[in-house]
């Protein structure tokens, strides 16, 4: 069987970074609906940044079969979009004189605990991200964004390592073509 040069790709739903980005998106839509006026430009920007974080993970994952460069770029765009969203949540807290939780805050510890829950989804975080106190909502989503960006950092490092080990599409195509030539030559030699 000839070597395949287009590897399996598009498994974004299994990526923990995607799962967390989806929670961030859902929570951001609800947060903006609840705490920001529908005519506030920041509302649209926050929702779009959250959406971009999620959608670029999908697009990068699907494109990965033929372009590792595109996968790396789009994964980094996802990370950048979430960094922008993080700044918006911090602005929300700052302009309302609300505190961003430090690492040692008891609620931060609880959020870390929830993040370690196997199969965690929106329901896992619902009480925090839909809490009536906007400081709890915003800080909970901030914690989820920080985790998601950490996961994307790790994912980008892994993509770099995979590229160095496996190469890109052209290199895989060349290896597959050379392997096929060798296979054809061996078949010809056996017939002779």
N, C-alpha and C. Protein backbone atom coordinates (compact mmCIF):
# COMPACT_ATOMS: atom_id res chain seq x y z
N UNK A 1 0.85 -1.19 0.00
CA UNK A 1 0.00 0.00 0.00
C UNK A 1 0.89 1.24 0.00
N UNK A 2 0.68 2.17 -0.95
CA UNK A 2 1.51 3.36 -0.99
C UNK A 2 1.30 4.24 0.24
N UNK A 3 2.38 4.95 0.58
CA UNK A 3 2.31 5.87 1.73
C UNK A 3 1.35 7.00 1.40
N UNK A 4 0.50 7.32 2.37
CA UNK A 4 -0.44 8.44 2.19
C UNK A 4 0.28 9.74 2.56
N UNK A 5 0.12 10.73 1.71
CA UNK A 5 0.79 12.00 2.01
C UNK A 5 -0.16 13.01 2.63
N UNK A 6 -1.47 12.74 2.62
CA UNK A 6 -2.41 13.60 3.33
C UNK A 6 -2.83 12.86 4.60
N UNK A 7 -2.32 13.31 5.74
CA UNK A 7 -2.60 12.61 7.00
C UNK A 7 -4.05 12.84 7.45
N UNK A 8 -4.51 12.03 8.40
CA UNK A 8 -5.84 12.29 8.97
C UNK A 8 -5.87 13.71 9.52
N UNK A 9 -7.00 14.36 9.38
CA UNK A 9 -7.11 15.75 9.83
C UNK A 9 -8.57 16.07 10.12
N UNK A 10 -8.79 17.24 10.74
CA UNK A 10 -10.14 17.70 11.00
C UNK A 10 -10.75 17.20 12.30
N UNK A 11 -9.96 16.63 13.19
CA UNK A 11 -10.49 16.12 14.44
C UNK A 11 -10.60 17.16 15.54
N UNK A 12 -10.99 18.36 15.19
CA UNK A 12 -11.03 19.48 16.13
C UNK A 12 -11.92 19.23 17.34
N UNK A 13 -13.02 18.50 17.15
CA UNK A 13 -13.96 18.30 18.27
C UNK A 13 -13.30 17.55 19.43
N UNK A 14 -12.27 16.79 19.14
CA UNK A 14 -11.56 16.06 20.19
C UNK A 14 -10.48 16.87 20.88
N UNK A 15 -10.20 18.05 20.36
CA UNK A 15 -9.17 18.89 20.97
C UNK A 15 -9.71 19.58 22.21
N UNK A 16 -8.99 19.47 23.30
CA UNK A 16 -9.39 20.13 24.54
C UNK A 16 -9.44 21.65 24.34
N UNK A 17 -8.54 22.18 23.53
CA UNK A 17 -8.55 23.63 23.25
C UNK A 17 -9.86 24.03 22.59
N UNK A 18 -10.36 23.22 21.67
CA UNK A 18 -11.63 23.53 21.01
C UNK A 18 -12.79 23.42 22.00
N UNK A 19 -12.78 22.39 22.81
CA UNK A 19 -13.86 22.20 23.79
C UNK A 19 -13.95 23.39 24.74
N UNK A 20 -12.82 23.87 25.20
CA UNK A 20 -12.81 25.03 26.10
C UNK A 20 -13.20 26.30 25.35
N UNK A 21 -12.72 26.45 24.10
CA UNK A 21 -13.07 27.63 23.31
C UNK A 21 -14.58 27.68 23.05
N UNK A 22 -15.19 26.54 22.89
CA UNK A 22 -16.65 26.50 22.69
C UNK A 22 -17.38 26.97 23.96
N UNK A 23 -16.88 26.56 25.11
CA UNK A 23 -17.47 27.01 26.38
C UNK A 23 -17.30 28.53 26.51
N UNK A 24 -16.11 29.02 26.17
CA UNK A 24 -15.85 30.46 26.24
C UNK A 24 -16.81 31.21 25.32
N UNK A 25 -17.01 30.70 24.12
CA UNK A 25 -17.93 31.36 23.18
C UNK A 25 -19.35 31.39 23.75
N UNK A 26 -19.86 30.24 24.17
CA UNK A 26 -21.22 30.18 24.71
C UNK A 26 -21.38 31.10 25.92
N UNK A 27 -20.39 31.08 26.80
CA UNK A 27 -20.45 31.92 28.00
C UNK A 27 -20.39 33.40 27.63
N UNK A 28 -19.59 33.74 26.63
CA UNK A 28 -19.46 35.14 26.22
C UNK A 28 -20.77 35.66 25.62
N UNK A 29 -21.42 34.85 24.80
CA UNK A 29 -22.70 35.27 24.23
C UNK A 29 -23.69 35.56 25.35
N UNK A 30 -23.77 34.67 26.33
CA UNK A 30 -24.71 34.87 27.45
C UNK A 30 -24.31 36.08 28.30
N UNK A 31 -22.99 36.21 28.55
CA UNK A 31 -22.50 37.34 29.34
C UNK A 31 -22.86 38.66 28.65
N UNK A 32 -22.58 38.77 27.38
CA UNK A 32 -22.86 40.01 26.64
C UNK A 32 -24.35 40.30 26.58
N UNK A 33 -25.15 39.26 26.39
CA UNK A 33 -26.61 39.46 26.38
C UNK A 33 -27.10 40.00 27.72
N UNK A 34 -26.45 39.58 28.78
CA UNK A 34 -26.90 39.96 30.12
C UNK A 34 -26.33 41.29 30.61
N UNK A 35 -25.04 41.54 30.32
CA UNK A 35 -24.37 42.69 30.94
C UNK A 35 -24.05 43.85 30.00
N UNK A 36 -24.19 43.68 28.70
CA UNK A 36 -23.85 44.76 27.78
C UNK A 36 -25.06 45.13 26.93
N UNK A 37 -25.23 46.41 26.70
CA UNK A 37 -26.33 46.89 25.89
C UNK A 37 -26.20 46.35 24.46
N UNK A 38 -27.32 46.02 23.86
CA UNK A 38 -27.28 45.40 22.53
C UNK A 38 -26.71 46.36 21.47
N UNK A 39 -26.65 47.65 21.75
CA UNK A 39 -26.09 48.61 20.80
C UNK A 39 -24.63 48.95 21.12
N UNK A 40 -24.09 48.36 22.18
CA UNK A 40 -22.70 48.59 22.57
C UNK A 40 -21.77 47.86 21.59
N UNK A 41 -20.87 48.60 20.99
CA UNK A 41 -19.94 48.01 20.01
C UNK A 41 -19.05 46.94 20.65
N UNK A 42 -18.73 47.12 21.90
CA UNK A 42 -17.89 46.14 22.60
C UNK A 42 -18.56 44.77 22.63
N UNK A 43 -19.89 44.77 22.76
CA UNK A 43 -20.64 43.51 22.79
C UNK A 43 -20.36 42.69 21.53
N UNK A 44 -20.50 43.32 20.37
CA UNK A 44 -20.25 42.63 19.10
C UNK A 44 -18.79 42.18 18.99
N UNK A 45 -17.88 43.05 19.43
CA UNK A 45 -16.47 42.70 19.33
C UNK A 45 -16.12 41.51 20.23
N UNK A 46 -16.69 41.47 21.42
CA UNK A 46 -16.42 40.35 22.32
C UNK A 46 -16.96 39.04 21.75
N UNK A 47 -18.17 39.09 21.25
CA UNK A 47 -18.75 37.88 20.67
C UNK A 47 -17.95 37.43 19.45
N UNK A 48 -17.53 38.38 18.62
CA UNK A 48 -16.74 38.02 17.44
C UNK A 48 -15.36 37.48 17.82
N UNK A 49 -14.75 38.03 18.84
CA UNK A 49 -13.45 37.52 19.29
C UNK A 49 -13.59 36.09 19.83
N UNK A 50 -14.65 35.85 20.60
CA UNK A 50 -14.89 34.50 21.12
C UNK A 50 -15.17 33.53 19.98
N UNK A 51 -15.96 33.98 19.00
CA UNK A 51 -16.28 33.14 17.85
C UNK A 51 -15.01 32.85 17.05
N UNK A 52 -14.19 33.87 16.83
CA UNK A 52 -12.95 33.70 16.09
C UNK A 52 -12.03 32.70 16.78
N UNK A 53 -11.98 32.75 18.11
CA UNK A 53 -11.17 31.79 18.85
C UNK A 53 -11.59 30.37 18.55
N UNK A 54 -12.87 30.14 18.55
CA UNK A 54 -13.42 28.79 18.29
C UNK A 54 -13.30 28.41 16.82
N UNK A 55 -13.72 29.29 15.94
CA UNK A 55 -13.78 28.95 14.51
C UNK A 55 -12.40 28.75 13.90
N UNK A 56 -11.40 29.49 14.35
CA UNK A 56 -10.06 29.32 13.79
C UNK A 56 -9.43 28.00 14.20
N UNK A 57 -9.82 27.46 15.34
CA UNK A 57 -9.36 26.12 15.70
C UNK A 57 -9.94 25.11 14.71
N UNK A 58 -11.23 25.27 14.40
CA UNK A 58 -11.87 24.37 13.42
C UNK A 58 -11.16 24.48 12.07
N UNK A 59 -11.04 25.70 11.57
CA UNK A 59 -10.46 25.90 10.24
C UNK A 59 -9.02 25.38 10.17
N UNK A 60 -8.23 25.64 11.21
CA UNK A 60 -6.86 25.15 11.22
C UNK A 60 -6.80 23.64 11.22
N UNK A 61 -7.66 23.02 11.99
CA UNK A 61 -7.69 21.56 12.08
C UNK A 61 -8.07 20.93 10.74
N UNK A 62 -9.05 21.50 10.08
CA UNK A 62 -9.49 20.96 8.79
C UNK A 62 -8.44 21.20 7.71
N UNK A 63 -7.77 22.35 7.75
CA UNK A 63 -6.74 22.67 6.75
C UNK A 63 -5.45 21.89 6.97
N UNK A 64 -5.29 21.28 8.13
CA UNK A 64 -4.02 20.65 8.49
C UNK A 64 -3.60 19.52 7.56
N UNK A 65 -4.55 18.90 6.90
CA UNK A 65 -4.21 17.79 6.00
C UNK A 65 -3.31 18.21 4.86
N UNK A 66 -3.47 19.42 4.39
CA UNK A 66 -2.68 19.88 3.25
C UNK A 66 -1.76 21.05 3.57
N UNK A 67 -1.95 21.69 4.71
CA UNK A 67 -1.08 22.83 5.02
C UNK A 67 -0.85 22.97 6.52
N UNK A 68 0.31 22.51 6.95
CA UNK A 68 0.68 22.68 8.36
C UNK A 68 0.91 24.15 8.66
N UNK A 69 1.37 24.90 7.67
CA UNK A 69 1.57 26.34 7.87
C UNK A 69 0.24 27.02 8.18
N UNK A 70 -0.79 26.67 7.43
CA UNK A 70 -2.11 27.25 7.66
C UNK A 70 -2.63 26.84 9.03
N UNK A 71 -2.41 25.59 9.41
CA UNK A 71 -2.86 25.13 10.73
C UNK A 71 -2.20 25.93 11.84
N UNK A 72 -0.90 26.13 11.74
CA UNK A 72 -0.17 26.90 12.76
C UNK A 72 -0.68 28.34 12.80
N UNK A 73 -0.82 28.95 11.63
CA UNK A 73 -1.28 30.34 11.57
C UNK A 73 -2.67 30.50 12.17
N UNK A 74 -3.59 29.62 11.79
CA UNK A 74 -4.97 29.76 12.27
C UNK A 74 -5.08 29.43 13.76
N UNK A 75 -4.28 28.50 14.24
CA UNK A 75 -4.27 28.20 15.67
C UNK A 75 -3.76 29.41 16.43
N UNK A 76 -2.78 30.10 15.87
CA UNK A 76 -2.28 31.32 16.51
C UNK A 76 -3.30 32.46 16.42
N UNK A 77 -4.06 32.53 15.33
CA UNK A 77 -5.13 33.53 15.22
C UNK A 77 -6.17 33.27 16.31
N UNK A 78 -6.50 32.00 16.54
CA UNK A 78 -7.44 31.65 17.61
C UNK A 78 -6.92 32.16 18.94
N UNK A 79 -5.64 31.93 19.19
CA UNK A 79 -5.03 32.37 20.44
C UNK A 79 -5.07 33.90 20.56
N UNK A 80 -4.75 34.59 19.46
CA UNK A 80 -4.76 36.06 19.47
C UNK A 80 -6.18 36.60 19.71
N UNK A 81 -7.17 35.97 19.11
CA UNK A 81 -8.56 36.41 19.31
C UNK A 81 -8.95 36.27 20.77
N UNK A 82 -8.53 35.18 21.39
CA UNK A 82 -8.86 34.98 22.80
C UNK A 82 -8.09 35.95 23.70
N UNK A 83 -6.88 36.34 23.29
CA UNK A 83 -6.13 37.35 24.05
C UNK A 83 -6.87 38.70 24.00
N UNK A 84 -7.43 39.02 22.84
CA UNK A 84 -8.23 40.24 22.70
C UNK A 84 -9.47 40.16 23.60
N UNK A 85 -10.12 39.01 23.61
CA UNK A 85 -11.30 38.81 24.45
C UNK A 85 -10.94 38.94 25.93
N UNK A 86 -9.82 38.39 26.33
CA UNK A 86 -9.35 38.49 27.70
C UNK A 86 -9.21 39.96 28.11
N UNK A 87 -8.64 40.77 27.22
CA UNK A 87 -8.50 42.20 27.51
C UNK A 87 -9.86 42.87 27.69
N UNK A 88 -10.84 42.46 26.89
CA UNK A 88 -12.19 43.03 27.03
C UNK A 88 -12.81 42.69 28.39
N UNK A 89 -12.63 41.46 28.84
CA UNK A 89 -13.16 41.10 30.17
C UNK A 89 -12.43 41.86 31.27
N UNK A 90 -11.12 42.03 31.13
CA UNK A 90 -10.37 42.79 32.12
C UNK A 90 -10.82 44.25 32.13
N UNK A 91 -11.09 44.79 30.94
CA UNK A 91 -11.62 46.16 30.86
C UNK A 91 -12.97 46.24 31.56
N UNK A 92 -13.83 45.26 31.34
CA UNK A 92 -15.14 45.23 31.98
C UNK A 92 -14.99 45.33 33.49
N UNK A 93 -14.08 44.53 34.05
CA UNK A 93 -13.87 44.56 35.50
C UNK A 93 -13.29 45.91 35.94
N UNK A 94 -12.26 46.37 35.24
CA UNK A 94 -11.55 47.58 35.65
C UNK A 94 -12.45 48.81 35.67
N UNK A 95 -13.23 49.01 34.59
CA UNK A 95 -14.04 50.23 34.53
C UNK A 95 -15.20 50.19 35.53
N UNK A 96 -15.49 49.04 36.08
CA UNK A 96 -16.56 48.92 37.08
C UNK A 96 -15.98 48.76 38.49
N UNK A 97 -14.66 48.97 38.61
CA UNK A 97 -13.96 48.83 39.89
C UNK A 97 -14.18 47.46 40.52
N UNK A 98 -14.18 46.42 39.68
CA UNK A 98 -14.30 45.05 40.16
C UNK A 98 -12.93 44.40 40.07
N UNK A 99 -12.66 43.51 41.01
CA UNK A 99 -11.34 42.89 41.11
C UNK A 99 -11.22 41.67 40.20
N UNK A 100 -10.05 41.56 39.53
CA UNK A 100 -9.72 40.30 38.85
C UNK A 100 -9.12 39.37 39.89
N UNK A 101 -9.59 38.16 39.93
CA UNK A 101 -9.13 37.22 40.95
C UNK A 101 -7.65 36.89 40.77
N UNK A 102 -6.91 36.93 41.88
CA UNK A 102 -5.51 36.48 41.83
C UNK A 102 -5.47 34.94 41.79
N UNK A 103 -4.30 34.42 41.53
CA UNK A 103 -4.14 32.94 41.42
C UNK A 103 -4.57 32.21 42.68
N UNK A 104 -4.38 32.84 43.84
CA UNK A 104 -4.68 32.16 45.10
C UNK A 104 -6.11 32.41 45.61
N UNK A 105 -6.93 33.04 44.81
CA UNK A 105 -8.33 33.28 45.20
C UNK A 105 -9.06 31.93 45.31
N UNK A 106 -9.90 31.75 46.33
CA UNK A 106 -10.61 30.47 46.50
C UNK A 106 -11.46 30.09 45.27
N UNK A 107 -12.04 31.07 44.61
CA UNK A 107 -12.85 30.75 43.43
C UNK A 107 -11.98 30.31 42.26
N UNK A 108 -10.76 30.83 42.19
CA UNK A 108 -9.82 30.40 41.15
C UNK A 108 -9.47 28.93 41.36
N UNK A 109 -9.25 28.57 42.61
CA UNK A 109 -8.96 27.16 42.92
C UNK A 109 -10.14 26.27 42.52
N UNK A 110 -11.35 26.72 42.78
CA UNK A 110 -12.54 25.95 42.40
C UNK A 110 -12.66 25.82 40.88
N UNK A 111 -12.33 26.89 40.18
CA UNK A 111 -12.38 26.85 38.73
C UNK A 111 -11.36 25.85 38.18
N UNK A 112 -10.16 25.83 38.76
CA UNK A 112 -9.15 24.85 38.35
C UNK A 112 -9.66 23.43 38.57
N UNK A 113 -10.33 23.24 39.69
CA UNK A 113 -10.93 21.94 40.02
C UNK A 113 -11.95 21.54 38.94
N UNK A 114 -12.83 22.46 38.59
CA UNK A 114 -13.84 22.18 37.55
C UNK A 114 -13.19 21.87 36.21
N UNK A 115 -12.10 22.57 35.90
CA UNK A 115 -11.41 22.34 34.63
C UNK A 115 -10.77 20.96 34.55
N UNK A 116 -10.50 20.36 35.68
CA UNK A 116 -9.94 19.01 35.69
C UNK A 116 -11.01 17.93 35.58
N UNK A 117 -12.27 18.34 35.57
CA UNK A 117 -13.37 17.38 35.46
C UNK A 117 -13.34 16.76 34.07
N UNK A 118 -13.33 15.45 34.01
CA UNK A 118 -13.35 14.75 32.73
C UNK A 118 -14.66 15.04 32.00
N UNK A 119 -14.55 15.40 30.74
CA UNK A 119 -15.74 15.67 29.94
C UNK A 119 -16.43 16.97 30.30
N UNK A 120 -15.73 17.89 30.93
CA UNK A 120 -16.33 19.18 31.33
C UNK A 120 -16.90 19.88 30.11
N UNK A 121 -18.11 20.40 30.26
CA UNK A 121 -18.76 21.15 29.19
C UNK A 121 -19.40 22.40 29.79
N UNK A 122 -20.22 23.07 29.03
CA UNK A 122 -20.83 24.31 29.51
C UNK A 122 -21.57 24.09 30.82
N UNK A 123 -22.28 22.99 30.92
CA UNK A 123 -23.04 22.69 32.14
C UNK A 123 -22.15 22.64 33.38
N UNK A 124 -20.93 22.18 33.21
CA UNK A 124 -19.97 22.10 34.32
C UNK A 124 -19.72 23.48 34.92
N UNK A 125 -19.74 24.50 34.06
CA UNK A 125 -19.39 25.87 34.48
C UNK A 125 -20.60 26.80 34.58
N UNK A 126 -21.79 26.29 34.30
CA UNK A 126 -22.98 27.14 34.21
C UNK A 126 -23.16 28.03 35.45
N UNK A 127 -23.07 27.46 36.65
CA UNK A 127 -23.28 28.25 37.87
C UNK A 127 -22.30 29.42 37.98
N UNK A 128 -21.10 29.22 37.49
CA UNK A 128 -20.10 30.29 37.57
C UNK A 128 -20.30 31.33 36.47
N UNK A 129 -20.47 30.88 35.22
CA UNK A 129 -20.53 31.83 34.10
C UNK A 129 -21.89 32.48 33.95
N UNK A 130 -22.90 31.98 34.65
CA UNK A 130 -24.21 32.61 34.65
C UNK A 130 -24.60 33.13 36.04
N UNK A 131 -23.60 33.30 36.90
CA UNK A 131 -23.84 33.79 38.25
C UNK A 131 -24.42 35.21 38.20
N UNK A 132 -25.31 35.56 39.14
CA UNK A 132 -25.87 36.92 39.13
C UNK A 132 -24.85 38.03 39.41
N UNK A 133 -23.73 37.67 40.02
CA UNK A 133 -22.67 38.66 40.29
C UNK A 133 -21.78 38.76 39.05
N UNK A 134 -21.74 39.94 38.38
CA UNK A 134 -20.94 40.05 37.16
C UNK A 134 -19.44 39.81 37.38
N UNK A 135 -18.95 40.07 38.59
CA UNK A 135 -17.53 39.82 38.87
C UNK A 135 -17.23 38.33 38.83
N UNK A 136 -18.14 37.53 39.35
CA UNK A 136 -17.95 36.07 39.31
C UNK A 136 -18.04 35.57 37.88
N UNK A 137 -19.01 36.07 37.12
CA UNK A 137 -19.14 35.68 35.71
C UNK A 137 -17.86 36.01 34.94
N UNK A 138 -17.46 37.27 34.99
CA UNK A 138 -16.31 37.71 34.21
C UNK A 138 -15.04 36.97 34.62
N UNK A 139 -14.81 36.83 35.92
CA UNK A 139 -13.60 36.13 36.38
C UNK A 139 -13.61 34.66 36.01
N UNK A 140 -14.77 34.05 36.03
CA UNK A 140 -14.85 32.64 35.63
C UNK A 140 -14.51 32.48 34.15
N UNK A 141 -15.03 33.37 33.34
CA UNK A 141 -14.73 33.31 31.90
C UNK A 141 -13.27 33.66 31.66
N UNK A 142 -12.74 34.60 32.40
CA UNK A 142 -11.30 34.92 32.30
C UNK A 142 -10.47 33.67 32.58
N UNK A 143 -10.83 32.93 33.61
CA UNK A 143 -10.12 31.69 33.92
C UNK A 143 -10.19 30.69 32.78
N UNK A 144 -11.35 30.58 32.16
CA UNK A 144 -11.51 29.67 31.02
C UNK A 144 -10.69 30.14 29.82
N UNK A 145 -10.65 31.45 29.60
CA UNK A 145 -9.85 31.98 28.49
C UNK A 145 -8.36 31.71 28.74
N UNK A 146 -7.91 31.94 29.96
CA UNK A 146 -6.50 31.70 30.28
C UNK A 146 -6.14 30.23 30.03
N UNK A 147 -7.01 29.32 30.45
CA UNK A 147 -6.75 27.90 30.22
C UNK A 147 -6.73 27.59 28.72
N UNK A 148 -7.68 28.15 27.99
CA UNK A 148 -7.75 27.88 26.56
C UNK A 148 -6.51 28.40 25.84
N UNK A 149 -6.05 29.59 26.19
CA UNK A 149 -4.85 30.12 25.54
C UNK A 149 -3.62 29.30 25.92
N UNK A 150 -3.57 28.80 27.15
CA UNK A 150 -2.48 27.91 27.54
C UNK A 150 -2.51 26.65 26.67
N UNK A 151 -3.69 26.07 26.50
CA UNK A 151 -3.82 24.87 25.67
C UNK A 151 -3.41 25.15 24.23
N UNK A 152 -3.78 26.33 23.72
CA UNK A 152 -3.39 26.68 22.36
C UNK A 152 -1.88 26.89 22.25
N UNK A 153 -1.26 27.46 23.27
CA UNK A 153 0.21 27.58 23.29
C UNK A 153 0.85 26.20 23.18
N UNK A 154 0.35 25.26 23.97
CA UNK A 154 0.87 23.89 23.95
C UNK A 154 0.64 23.25 22.57
N UNK A 155 -0.53 23.50 22.01
CA UNK A 155 -0.87 22.95 20.70
C UNK A 155 0.07 23.50 19.62
N UNK A 156 0.36 24.79 19.67
CA UNK A 156 1.27 25.39 18.70
C UNK A 156 2.67 24.79 18.84
N UNK A 157 3.14 24.60 20.07
CA UNK A 157 4.46 23.98 20.27
C UNK A 157 4.48 22.57 19.69
N UNK A 158 3.38 21.84 19.88
CA UNK A 158 3.30 20.48 19.34
C UNK A 158 3.28 20.50 17.81
N UNK A 159 2.57 21.46 17.23
CA UNK A 159 2.55 21.58 15.77
C UNK A 159 3.94 21.88 15.24
N UNK A 160 4.71 22.71 15.95
CA UNK A 160 6.09 22.98 15.55
C UNK A 160 6.92 21.70 15.57
N UNK A 161 6.80 20.94 16.65
CA UNK A 161 7.54 19.68 16.77
C UNK A 161 7.14 18.70 15.67
N UNK A 162 5.84 18.59 15.42
CA UNK A 162 5.36 17.68 14.38
C UNK A 162 5.89 18.08 13.01
N UNK A 163 5.93 19.39 12.74
CA UNK A 163 6.44 19.84 11.45
C UNK A 163 7.92 19.49 11.31
N UNK A 164 8.69 19.71 12.36
CA UNK A 164 10.11 19.39 12.30
C UNK A 164 10.34 17.90 12.09
N UNK A 165 9.49 17.10 12.66
CA UNK A 165 9.61 15.64 12.55
C UNK A 165 9.08 15.11 11.21
N UNK A 166 7.92 15.58 10.80
CA UNK A 166 7.23 15.03 9.63
C UNK A 166 7.38 15.86 8.36
N UNK A 167 7.63 17.16 8.52
CA UNK A 167 7.68 18.04 7.36
C UNK A 167 6.30 18.47 6.93
N UNK A 168 6.27 19.15 5.80
CA UNK A 168 5.00 19.64 5.26
C UNK A 168 4.51 18.77 4.13
N UNK A 169 3.49 19.24 3.45
CA UNK A 169 2.85 18.48 2.38
C UNK A 169 3.83 18.13 1.26
N UNK A 170 4.62 19.08 0.81
CA UNK A 170 5.56 18.80 -0.30
C UNK A 170 6.54 17.69 0.08
N UNK A 171 7.03 17.73 1.30
CA UNK A 171 7.97 16.69 1.74
C UNK A 171 7.27 15.32 1.81
N UNK A 172 6.05 15.31 2.32
CA UNK A 172 5.31 14.05 2.39
C UNK A 172 4.97 13.53 0.99
N UNK A 173 4.64 14.45 0.09
CA UNK A 173 4.36 14.04 -1.29
C UNK A 173 5.61 13.44 -1.94
N UNK A 174 6.74 14.07 -1.72
CA UNK A 174 8.00 13.56 -2.28
C UNK A 174 8.32 12.19 -1.72
N UNK A 175 8.18 12.02 -0.39
CA UNK A 175 8.45 10.70 0.22
C UNK A 175 7.51 9.64 -0.35
N UNK A 176 6.24 9.99 -0.50
CA UNK A 176 5.26 9.04 -1.03
C UNK A 176 5.60 8.68 -2.47
N UNK A 177 5.98 9.67 -3.28
CA UNK A 177 6.32 9.40 -4.69
C UNK A 177 7.56 8.54 -4.79
N UNK A 178 8.58 8.82 -3.99
CA UNK A 178 9.80 8.01 -4.00
C UNK A 178 9.51 6.58 -3.54
N UNK A 179 8.68 6.43 -2.53
CA UNK A 179 8.30 5.10 -2.05
C UNK A 179 7.55 4.33 -3.13
N UNK A 180 6.70 5.02 -3.87
CA UNK A 180 5.96 4.36 -4.96
C UNK A 180 6.90 3.95 -6.08
N UNK A 181 7.86 4.80 -6.40
CA UNK A 181 8.86 4.44 -7.43
C UNK A 181 9.63 3.20 -7.01
N UNK A 182 10.06 3.17 -5.73
CA UNK A 182 10.78 1.99 -5.23
C UNK A 182 9.90 0.76 -5.32
N UNK A 183 8.64 0.90 -4.97
CA UNK A 183 7.69 -0.21 -5.03
C UNK A 183 7.56 -0.73 -6.46
N UNK A 184 7.42 0.18 -7.42
CA UNK A 184 7.30 -0.20 -8.83
C UNK A 184 8.58 -0.88 -9.32
N UNK A 185 9.73 -0.37 -8.90
CA UNK A 185 11.02 -0.95 -9.30
C UNK A 185 11.16 -2.37 -8.76
N UNK A 186 10.74 -2.58 -7.47
CA UNK A 186 10.82 -3.92 -6.88
C UNK A 186 9.90 -4.89 -7.59
N UNK A 187 8.73 -4.45 -7.97
CA UNK A 187 7.79 -5.29 -8.72
C UNK A 187 8.38 -5.68 -10.06
N UNK A 188 9.01 -4.72 -10.72
CA UNK A 188 9.62 -4.96 -12.03
C UNK A 188 10.78 -5.94 -11.90
N UNK A 189 11.60 -5.76 -10.83
CA UNK A 189 12.75 -6.66 -10.62
C UNK A 189 12.28 -8.09 -10.34
N UNK A 190 11.16 -8.25 -9.63
CA UNK A 190 10.64 -9.59 -9.32
C UNK A 190 10.15 -10.29 -10.58
N UNK A 191 9.63 -9.54 -11.53
CA UNK A 191 9.14 -10.11 -12.78
C UNK A 191 10.28 -10.51 -13.70
N UNK A 192 11.42 -9.89 -13.52
CA UNK A 192 12.56 -10.15 -14.42
C UNK A 192 13.30 -11.39 -14.06
